[in-house]
Every structure is written in structure tokens, then in C-alpha cells.
Amino acid sequence: MTTFDDLDLSNQLRNSIEEMGFTNPTPIQEQAFSVVRSGKDVVGIAQTGTGKTFAYMMPILRDLKFSKQDTPRVLVLVPTRELVIQVVEEIEKLASNFPENIVQFNVMKDAAIVAGATMFISDRVAHVQYISANEDKQQLGSLDFLFHQLITSAYREKKYFDFGVSNENQGKNINKGLQYWKECFGARSVVQEFYEVNTANHTKLDSVFI
């Protein structure tokens, strides 16, 4: 039987999982872990209560460098208010043992979470790692309200505010609606180049300035 130790999780993730009382990964978590970490597209189908959120969050959190990561790489989209609440709660549980530079902000309406953002904070940068909102976000203006507060109040002293990526199809296409929304706050887009490197040649990167 596969254990969480077999998944080579970080100490922080293992501590969070142990505190939640889990001892072994579910089938969806075990089977999805290596595929998600590889960066390939994956569709996971499993019954309610089998840990699908953890199935993609564990490999994501396993590989992110929290103290140095300045560019958001993950956007979690969910279709309903109930799933927004669930995803936010589970990210908070998994992140409970990570450094204090991970901060969760939520927007509430009638005692319900309607939008949220998980921020990764460094000395100079406040960057958005996860954004989530329910289906009423346009009518409520929940994300507009949230990001106005983040930019003008919570992180007004930071040199940079990083909205994250605005692409889709694995970086091949620009999400123009998302890009426009970010630019309304004064953001500007930067095109990045990606290179594929054989892992056997990783030592050659020591002589490359990145």
C-alpha cells in the first residue's frame, strides 16, 4: 500500500496531512500525483469525498518554492460557491505548516465566502498564487473589491504586485479577458520564453544566469 512518505512530500506537507489525520493517499491522490508533477494535462474522476482537491494541491505545493517564487504558476477555477469554500479551506489546511509568507484573503457576503486569493509574499513582491470566485463574481464585483484592497491597502508598500499569468492552452494563447481585467488595475504584461532542458544536463545550468 502506498503511503504519503512514498510520494516524497516536503516536511511541511507531511506535517499538515498528519495533523488532519490522514495516513495513506486515496487512489485518485496516488495516481494523479506523478502526472500533475510532470506538468502534463490530467483529468481525474472520482467520487465525492475521495480527496480530489488534495490530489492536485499536494503535487503543486510539493514543487513550489515559497520563499523565492515571484511568478504565479497556478490558477484554480471552480464552478460553484460551495467548491470555492471547500478549496479555500483545504488550501488553508495544507498551508498551515508553511512559512508565514503565505496569506489567504477572502471576500464574504452574507456569511459566505464569494471570492478569495492566496498571496505569496517576499521582501519586494506580493504575488497572487491562487484566485477563486463564485459564479456571481461579475454581479458582485467581488474580485474587483478584493484586488483594490490588496493593491491600495494590504500591499501598498511592496515594490511589485504580481497578478500572475494571463495565458491558456499551456501558454500558447493569451486570455484577453483576464489580461484586460488585470490591466484595468494598472498591470502590464510580460512575455516569457520557456526552454526544455534534459535533466541529465542540469549541472550545465550552473554557468547560466537566470
C-alpha atoms as a PDB file:
ATOM      1  CA  MET A   1       0.000   0.000   0.000  1.00  0.00           C
ATOM      2  CA  THR A   2       1.334   3.432  -0.953  1.00  0.00           C
ATOM      3  CA  THR A   3       1.923   5.877   1.909  1.00  0.00           C
ATOM      4  CA  PHE A   4       2.418   9.640   1.891  1.00  0.00           C
ATOM      5  CA  ASP A   5       6.119   9.002   2.524  1.00  0.00           C
ATOM      6  CA  ASP A   6       6.278   7.192  -0.836  1.00  0.00           C
ATOM      7  CA  LEU A   7       5.146  10.406  -2.541  1.00  0.00           C
ATOM      8  CA  ASP A   8       8.262  12.246  -1.361  1.00  0.00           C
ATOM      9  CA  LEU A   9       6.338  15.137   0.167  1.00  0.00           C
ATOM     10  CA  SER A  10       8.014  18.046   1.905  1.00  0.00           C
ATOM     11  CA  ASN A  11       8.151  18.042   5.695  1.00  0.00           C
ATOM     12  CA  GLN A  12       5.607  20.859   5.841  1.00  0.00           C
ATOM     13  CA  LEU A  13       3.114  18.944   3.723  1.00  0.00           C
ATOM     14  CA  ARG A  14       3.580  15.749   5.715  1.00  0.00           C
ATOM     15  CA  ASN A  15       3.029  17.629   8.972  1.00  0.00           C
ATOM     16  CA  SER A  16      -0.172  19.226   7.654  1.00  0.00           C
ATOM     17  CA  ILE A  17      -1.501  15.881   6.422  1.00  0.00           C
ATOM     18  CA  GLU A  18      -0.685  14.135   9.700  1.00  0.00           C
ATOM     19  CA  GLU A  19      -2.453  16.852  11.677  1.00  0.00           C
ATOM     20  CA  MET A  20      -5.566  16.261   9.556  1.00  0.00           C
ATOM     21  CA  GLY A  21      -5.459  12.577  10.484  1.00  0.00           C
ATOM     22  CA  PHE A  22      -4.714  11.110   7.041  1.00  0.00           C
ATOM     23  CA  THR A  23      -2.386   8.094   6.881  1.00  0.00           C
ATOM     24  CA  ASN A  24      -2.484   6.926   3.261  1.00  0.00           C
ATOM     25  CA  PRO A  25      -3.323   8.624  -0.050  1.00  0.00           C
ATOM     26  CA  THR A  26      -6.564   7.726  -1.772  1.00  0.00           C
ATOM     27  CA  PRO A  27      -6.391   6.122  -5.232  1.00  0.00           C
ATOM     28  CA  ILE A  28      -7.040   9.450  -7.020  1.00  0.00           C
ATOM     29  CA  GLN A  29      -4.281  11.119  -4.979  1.00  0.00           C
ATOM     30  CA  GLU A  30      -1.801   8.332  -5.600  1.00  0.00           C
ATOM     31  CA  GLN A  31      -2.470   8.066  -9.336  1.00  0.00           C
ATOM     32  CA  ALA A  32      -2.576  11.798 -10.034  1.00  0.00           C
ATOM     33  CA  PHE A  33       0.493  12.803  -8.036  1.00  0.00           C
ATOM     34  CA  SER A  34       3.265  11.997 -10.513  1.00  0.00           C
ATOM     35  CA  VAL A  35       1.203  13.083 -13.529  1.00  0.00           C
ATOM     36  CA  VAL A  36       0.439  16.513 -12.053  1.00  0.00           C
ATOM     37  CA  ARG A  37       4.085  16.950 -11.062  1.00  0.00           C
ATOM     38  CA  SER A  38       5.163  16.147 -14.617  1.00  0.00           C
ATOM     39  CA  GLY A  39       3.185  19.124 -15.946  1.00  0.00           C
ATOM     40  CA  LYS A  40       1.033  17.005 -18.250  1.00  0.00           C
ATOM     41  CA  ASP A  41      -2.686  17.568 -18.714  1.00  0.00           C
ATOM     42  CA  VAL A  42      -4.751  15.298 -16.485  1.00  0.00           C
ATOM     43  CA  VAL A  43      -8.457  14.672 -15.939  1.00  0.00           C
ATOM     44  CA  GLY A  44      -9.318  12.995 -12.637  1.00  0.00           C
ATOM     45  CA  ILE A  45     -12.722  11.464 -11.976  1.00  0.00           C
ATOM     46  CA  ALA A  46     -13.607  10.135  -8.534  1.00  0.00           C
ATOM     47  CA  GLN A  47     -16.498  10.080  -6.094  1.00  0.00           C
ATOM     48  CA  THR A  48     -17.212  12.876  -3.639  1.00  0.00           C
ATOM     49  CA  GLY A  49     -15.046  12.655  -0.545  1.00  0.00           C
ATOM     50  CA  THR A  50     -12.083  10.905  -2.170  1.00  0.00           C
ATOM     51  CA  GLY A  51      -9.747  13.906  -1.887  1.00  0.00           C
ATOM     52  CA  LYS A  52      -9.697  15.306  -5.405  1.00  0.00           C
ATOM     53  CA  THR A  53      -8.631  18.766  -4.215  1.00  0.00           C
ATOM     54  CA  PHE A  54      -5.635  17.310  -2.383  1.00  0.00           C
ATOM     55  CA  ALA A  55      -4.897  15.203  -5.479  1.00  0.00           C
ATOM     56  CA  TYR A  56      -3.801  18.303  -7.402  1.00  0.00           C
ATOM     57  CA  MET A  57      -2.815  20.564  -4.497  1.00  0.00           C
ATOM     58  CA  MET A  58      -0.255  18.175  -2.975  1.00  0.00           C
ATOM     59  CA  PRO A  59       1.964  17.913  -6.067  1.00  0.00           C
ATOM     60  CA  ILE A  60       1.601  21.652  -6.710  1.00  0.00           C
ATOM     61  CA  LEU A  61       2.655  22.614  -3.186  1.00  0.00           C
ATOM     62  CA  ARG A  62       5.347  19.935  -3.248  1.00  0.00           C
ATOM     63  CA  ASP A  63       7.285  21.690  -6.004  1.00  0.00           C
ATOM     64  CA  LEU A  64       6.639  25.387  -5.390  1.00  0.00           C
ATOM     65  CA  LYS A  65       9.498  27.361  -3.836  1.00  0.00           C
ATOM     66  CA  PHE A  66       7.606  29.548  -1.419  1.00  0.00           C
ATOM     67  CA  SER A  67      10.386  31.850  -0.302  1.00  0.00           C
ATOM     68  CA  LYS A  68      11.721  32.587  -3.800  1.00  0.00           C
ATOM     69  CA  GLN A  69       8.816  32.159  -6.218  1.00  0.00           C
ATOM     70  CA  ASP A  70       7.938  35.545  -7.721  1.00  0.00           C
ATOM     71  CA  THR A  71       5.763  34.431 -10.643  1.00  0.00           C
ATOM     72  CA  PRO A  72       2.399  32.713 -10.064  1.00  0.00           C
ATOM     73  CA  ARG A  73       2.094  29.426 -11.901  1.00  0.00           C
ATOM     74  CA  VAL A  74      -1.290  28.100 -10.799  1.00  0.00           C
ATOM     75  CA  LEU A  75      -4.862  29.339 -11.220  1.00  0.00           C
ATOM     76  CA  VAL A  76      -7.622  27.263  -9.601  1.00  0.00           C
ATOM     77  CA  LEU A  77     -11.049  27.704 -11.214  1.00  0.00           C
ATOM     78  CA  VAL A  78     -14.145  26.223  -9.605  1.00  0.00           C
ATOM     79  CA  PRO A  79     -17.750  26.482 -10.816  1.00  0.00           C
ATOM     80  CA  THR A  80     -19.761  26.912  -7.592  1.00  0.00           C
ATOM     81  CA  ARG A  81     -19.735  28.798  -4.300  1.00  0.00           C
ATOM     82  CA  GLU A  82     -19.586  25.548  -2.370  1.00  0.00           C
ATOM     83  CA  LEU A  83     -16.423  24.489  -4.169  1.00  0.00           C
ATOM     84  CA  VAL A  84     -14.856  27.907  -3.590  1.00  0.00           C
ATOM     85  CA  ILE A  85     -15.312  27.415   0.152  1.00  0.00           C
ATOM     86  CA  GLN A  86     -14.013  23.847   0.005  1.00  0.00           C
ATOM     87  CA  VAL A  87     -10.904  24.683  -1.998  1.00  0.00           C
ATOM     88  CA  VAL A  88     -10.051  27.678   0.198  1.00  0.00           C
ATOM     89  CA  GLU A  89     -10.445  25.622   3.368  1.00  0.00           C
ATOM     90  CA  GLU A  90      -8.268  22.794   2.086  1.00  0.00           C
ATOM     91  CA  ILE A  91      -5.526  25.132   0.845  1.00  0.00           C
ATOM     92  CA  GLU A  92      -5.512  26.749   4.280  1.00  0.00           C
ATOM     93  CA  LYS A  93      -5.178  23.333   5.940  1.00  0.00           C
ATOM     94  CA  LEU A  94      -2.328  22.255   3.689  1.00  0.00           C
ATOM     95  CA  ALA A  95      -0.574  25.603   4.117  1.00  0.00           C
ATOM     96  CA  SER A  96      -0.932  25.612   7.908  1.00  0.00           C
ATOM     97  CA  ASN A  97       2.652  24.442   8.414  1.00  0.00           C
ATOM     98  CA  PHE A  98       4.258  26.603   5.744  1.00  0.00           C
ATOM     99  CA  PRO A  99       6.060  29.877   6.450  1.00  0.00           C
ATOM    100  CA  GLU A 100       4.108  32.997   7.321  1.00  0.00           C
ATOM    101  CA  ASN A 101       4.682  34.494   3.884  1.00  0.00           C
ATOM    102  CA  ILE A 102       1.578  32.649   2.625  1.00  0.00           C
ATOM    103  CA  VAL A 103      -1.565  34.687   3.334  1.00  0.00           C
ATOM    104  CA  GLN A 104      -5.177  33.913   2.471  1.00  0.00           C
ATOM    105  CA  PHE A 105      -7.679  36.738   1.769  1.00  0.00           C
ATOM    106  CA  ASN A 106     -11.415  36.055   1.475  1.00  0.00           C
ATOM    107  CA  VAL A 107     -14.402  38.188   0.461  1.00  0.00           C
ATOM    108  CA  MET A 108     -17.579  37.465   2.427  1.00  0.00           C
ATOM    109  CA  LYS A 109     -21.236  38.107   1.594  1.00  0.00           C
ATOM    110  CA  ASP A 110     -23.991  37.065   3.980  1.00  0.00           C
ATOM    111  CA  ALA A 111     -21.520  34.939   5.957  1.00  0.00           C
ATOM    112  CA  ALA A 112     -20.432  33.052   2.819  1.00  0.00           C
ATOM    113  CA  ILE A 113     -17.103  33.183   1.005  1.00  0.00           C
ATOM    114  CA  VAL A 114     -17.662  34.558  -2.504  1.00  0.00           C
ATOM    115  CA  ALA A 115     -14.047  35.165  -3.571  1.00  0.00           C
ATOM    116  CA  GLY A 116     -10.533  34.584  -2.359  1.00  0.00           C
ATOM    117  CA  ALA A 117      -6.866  34.921  -3.174  1.00  0.00           C
ATOM    118  CA  THR A 118      -3.831  33.166  -1.771  1.00  0.00           C
ATOM    119  CA  MET A 119      -0.835  35.501  -1.664  1.00  0.00           C
ATOM    120  CA  PHE A 120       2.837  34.530  -1.546  1.00  0.00           C
ATOM    121  CA  ILE A 121       4.828  37.364  -0.014  1.00  0.00           C
ATOM    122  CA  SER A 122       8.536  38.125  -0.342  1.00  0.00           C
ATOM    123  CA  ASP A 123      10.521  41.201   0.642  1.00  0.00           C
ATOM    124  CA  ARG A 124       9.773  43.110  -2.550  1.00  0.00           C
ATOM    125  CA  VAL A 125       6.906  41.225  -4.193  1.00  0.00           C
ATOM    126  CA  ALA A 126       3.303  40.412  -3.355  1.00  0.00           C
ATOM    127  CA  HIS A 127       2.176  37.843  -5.870  1.00  0.00           C
ATOM    128  CA  VAL A 128      -1.096  36.071  -6.403  1.00  0.00           C
ATOM    129  CA  GLN A 129      -0.740  32.303  -6.391  1.00  0.00           C
ATOM    130  CA  TYR A 130      -4.409  31.255  -6.446  1.00  0.00           C
ATOM    131  CA  ILE A 131      -7.568  33.178  -7.362  1.00  0.00           C
ATOM    132  CA  SER A 132     -11.059  31.819  -6.857  1.00  0.00           C
ATOM    133  CA  ALA A 133     -14.565  33.267  -7.052  1.00  0.00           C
ATOM    134  CA  ASN A 134     -18.108  32.015  -7.367  1.00  0.00           C
ATOM    135  CA  GLU A 135     -20.384  32.372 -10.360  1.00  0.00           C
ATOM    136  CA  ASP A 136     -21.690  35.783  -9.189  1.00  0.00           C
ATOM    137  CA  LYS A 137     -18.300  37.499  -9.337  1.00  0.00           C
ATOM    138  CA  GLN A 138     -19.309  39.841 -12.170  1.00  0.00           C
ATOM    139  CA  GLN A 139     -22.517  40.992 -10.486  1.00  0.00           C
ATOM    140  CA  LEU A 140     -20.926  41.307  -7.044  1.00  0.00           C
ATOM    141  CA  GLY A 141     -17.632  42.791  -8.173  1.00  0.00           C
ATOM    142  CA  SER A 142     -16.023  40.558  -5.558  1.00  0.00           C
ATOM    143  CA  LEU A 143     -12.647  40.194  -7.262  1.00  0.00           C
ATOM    144  CA  ASP A 144     -12.532  43.905  -8.112  1.00  0.00           C
ATOM    145  CA  PHE A 145     -13.147  44.719  -4.452  1.00  0.00           C
ATOM    146  CA  LEU A 146     -10.576  42.183  -3.264  1.00  0.00           C
ATOM    147  CA  PHE A 147      -7.773  43.331  -5.538  1.00  0.00           C
ATOM    148  CA  HIS A 148      -8.459  47.004  -4.871  1.00  0.00           C
ATOM    149  CA  GLN A 149      -7.903  46.267  -1.184  1.00  0.00           C
ATOM    150  CA  LEU A 150      -4.788  44.201  -1.835  1.00  0.00           C
ATOM    151  CA  ILE A 151      -3.164  46.826  -4.046  1.00  0.00           C
ATOM    152  CA  THR A 152      -4.169  50.026  -2.282  1.00  0.00           C
ATOM    153  CA  SER A 153      -4.102  48.829   1.324  1.00  0.00           C
ATOM    154  CA  ALA A 154      -2.669  45.427   2.234  1.00  0.00           C
ATOM    155  CA  TYR A 155       0.413  45.593  -0.007  1.00  0.00           C
ATOM    156  CA  ARG A 156       0.672  49.233  -0.971  1.00  0.00           C
ATOM    157  CA  GLU A 157       4.260  49.357   0.348  1.00  0.00           C
ATOM    158  CA  LYS A 158       5.503  46.484  -1.826  1.00  0.00           C
ATOM    159  CA  LYS A 159       7.656  47.390  -4.808  1.00  0.00           C
ATOM    160  CA  TYR A 160       5.872  44.894  -7.077  1.00  0.00           C
ATOM    161  CA  PHE A 161       2.399  43.375  -7.205  1.00  0.00           C
ATOM    162  CA  ASP A 162       2.364  40.287  -9.419  1.00  0.00           C
ATOM    163  CA  PHE A 163      -1.028  39.250 -10.826  1.00  0.00           C
ATOM    164  CA  GLY A 164       0.307  36.021 -12.312  1.00  0.00           C
ATOM    165  CA  VAL A 165      -0.124  34.502 -15.741  1.00  0.00           C
ATOM    166  CA  SER A 166      -2.816  35.517 -18.243  1.00  0.00           C
ATOM    167  CA  ASN A 167      -2.483  32.672 -20.684  1.00  0.00           C
ATOM    168  CA  GLU A 168      -4.219  29.423 -21.503  1.00  0.00           C
ATOM    169  CA  ASN A 169      -3.528  26.302 -23.535  1.00  0.00           C
ATOM    170  CA  GLN A 170      -0.235  25.897 -21.636  1.00  0.00           C
ATOM    171  CA  GLY A 171       0.999  29.352 -22.531  1.00  0.00           C
ATOM    172  CA  LYS A 172       0.193  29.197 -26.230  1.00  0.00           C
ATOM    173  CA  ASN A 173      -2.673  31.705 -26.117  1.00  0.00           C
ATOM    174  CA  ILE A 174      -3.407  34.900 -24.232  1.00  0.00           C
ATOM    175  CA  ASN A 175      -6.597  35.040 -22.172  1.00  0.00           C
ATOM    176  CA  LYS A 176      -7.551  38.534 -23.369  1.00  0.00           C
ATOM    177  CA  GLY A 177     -10.413  38.950 -20.902  1.00  0.00           C
ATOM    178  CA  LEU A 178      -8.186  38.121 -17.945  1.00  0.00           C
ATOM    179  CA  GLN A 179      -5.389  40.290 -19.328  1.00  0.00           C
ATOM    180  CA  TYR A 180      -7.777  43.246 -19.750  1.00  0.00           C
ATOM    181  CA  TRP A 181      -9.089  42.839 -16.190  1.00  0.00           C
ATOM    182  CA  LYS A 182      -5.558  42.947 -14.774  1.00  0.00           C
ATOM    183  CA  GLU A 183      -4.560  45.912 -16.936  1.00  0.00           C
ATOM    184  CA  CYS A 184      -7.528  47.852 -15.550  1.00  0.00           C
ATOM    185  CA  PHE A 185      -5.619  47.830 -12.259  1.00  0.00           C
ATOM    186  CA  GLY A 186      -2.502  49.150 -13.967  1.00  0.00           C
ATOM    187  CA  ALA A 187      -0.802  45.806 -14.618  1.00  0.00           C
ATOM    188  CA  ARG A 188       1.393  45.309 -17.676  1.00  0.00           C
ATOM    189  CA  SER A 189       2.044  42.023 -19.445  1.00  0.00           C
ATOM    190  CA  VAL A 190       5.484  40.489 -19.915  1.00  0.00           C
ATOM    191  CA  VAL A 191       6.142  37.748 -22.472  1.00  0.00           C
ATOM    192  CA  GLN A 192       8.321  34.929 -21.148  1.00  0.00           C
ATOM    193  CA  GLU A 193      10.315  32.335 -23.033  1.00  0.00           C
ATOM    194  CA  PHE A 194      10.399  28.693 -21.957  1.00  0.00           C
ATOM    195  CA  TYR A 195      13.147  26.170 -22.542  1.00  0.00           C
ATOM    196  CA  GLU A 196      13.159  22.408 -22.155  1.00  0.00           C
ATOM    197  CA  VAL A 197      16.326  21.033 -20.573  1.00  0.00           C
ATOM    198  CA  ASN A 198      17.324  17.405 -20.253  1.00  0.00           C
ATOM    199  CA  THR A 199      17.525  16.762 -16.517  1.00  0.00           C
ATOM    200  CA  ALA A 200      20.754  14.853 -17.044  1.00  0.00           C
ATOM    201  CA  ASN A 201      22.358  18.159 -18.063  1.00  0.00           C
ATOM    202  CA  HIS A 202      21.186  20.141 -15.040  1.00  0.00           C
ATOM    203  CA  THR A 203      24.760  20.920 -13.948  1.00  0.00           C
ATOM    204  CA  LYS A 204      25.245  22.998 -17.083  1.00  0.00           C
ATOM    205  CA  LEU A 205      22.721  25.475 -15.720  1.00  0.00           C
ATOM    206  CA  ASP A 206      25.264  26.492 -13.079  1.00  0.00           C
ATOM    207  CA  SER A 207      27.010  28.632 -15.702  1.00  0.00           C
ATOM    208  CA  VAL A 208      23.788  30.245 -16.942  1.00  0.00           C
ATOM    209  CA  PHE A 209      22.428  33.419 -15.400  1.00  0.00           C
ATOM    210  CA  ILE A 210      18.646  33.070 -14.971  1.00  0.00           C
END
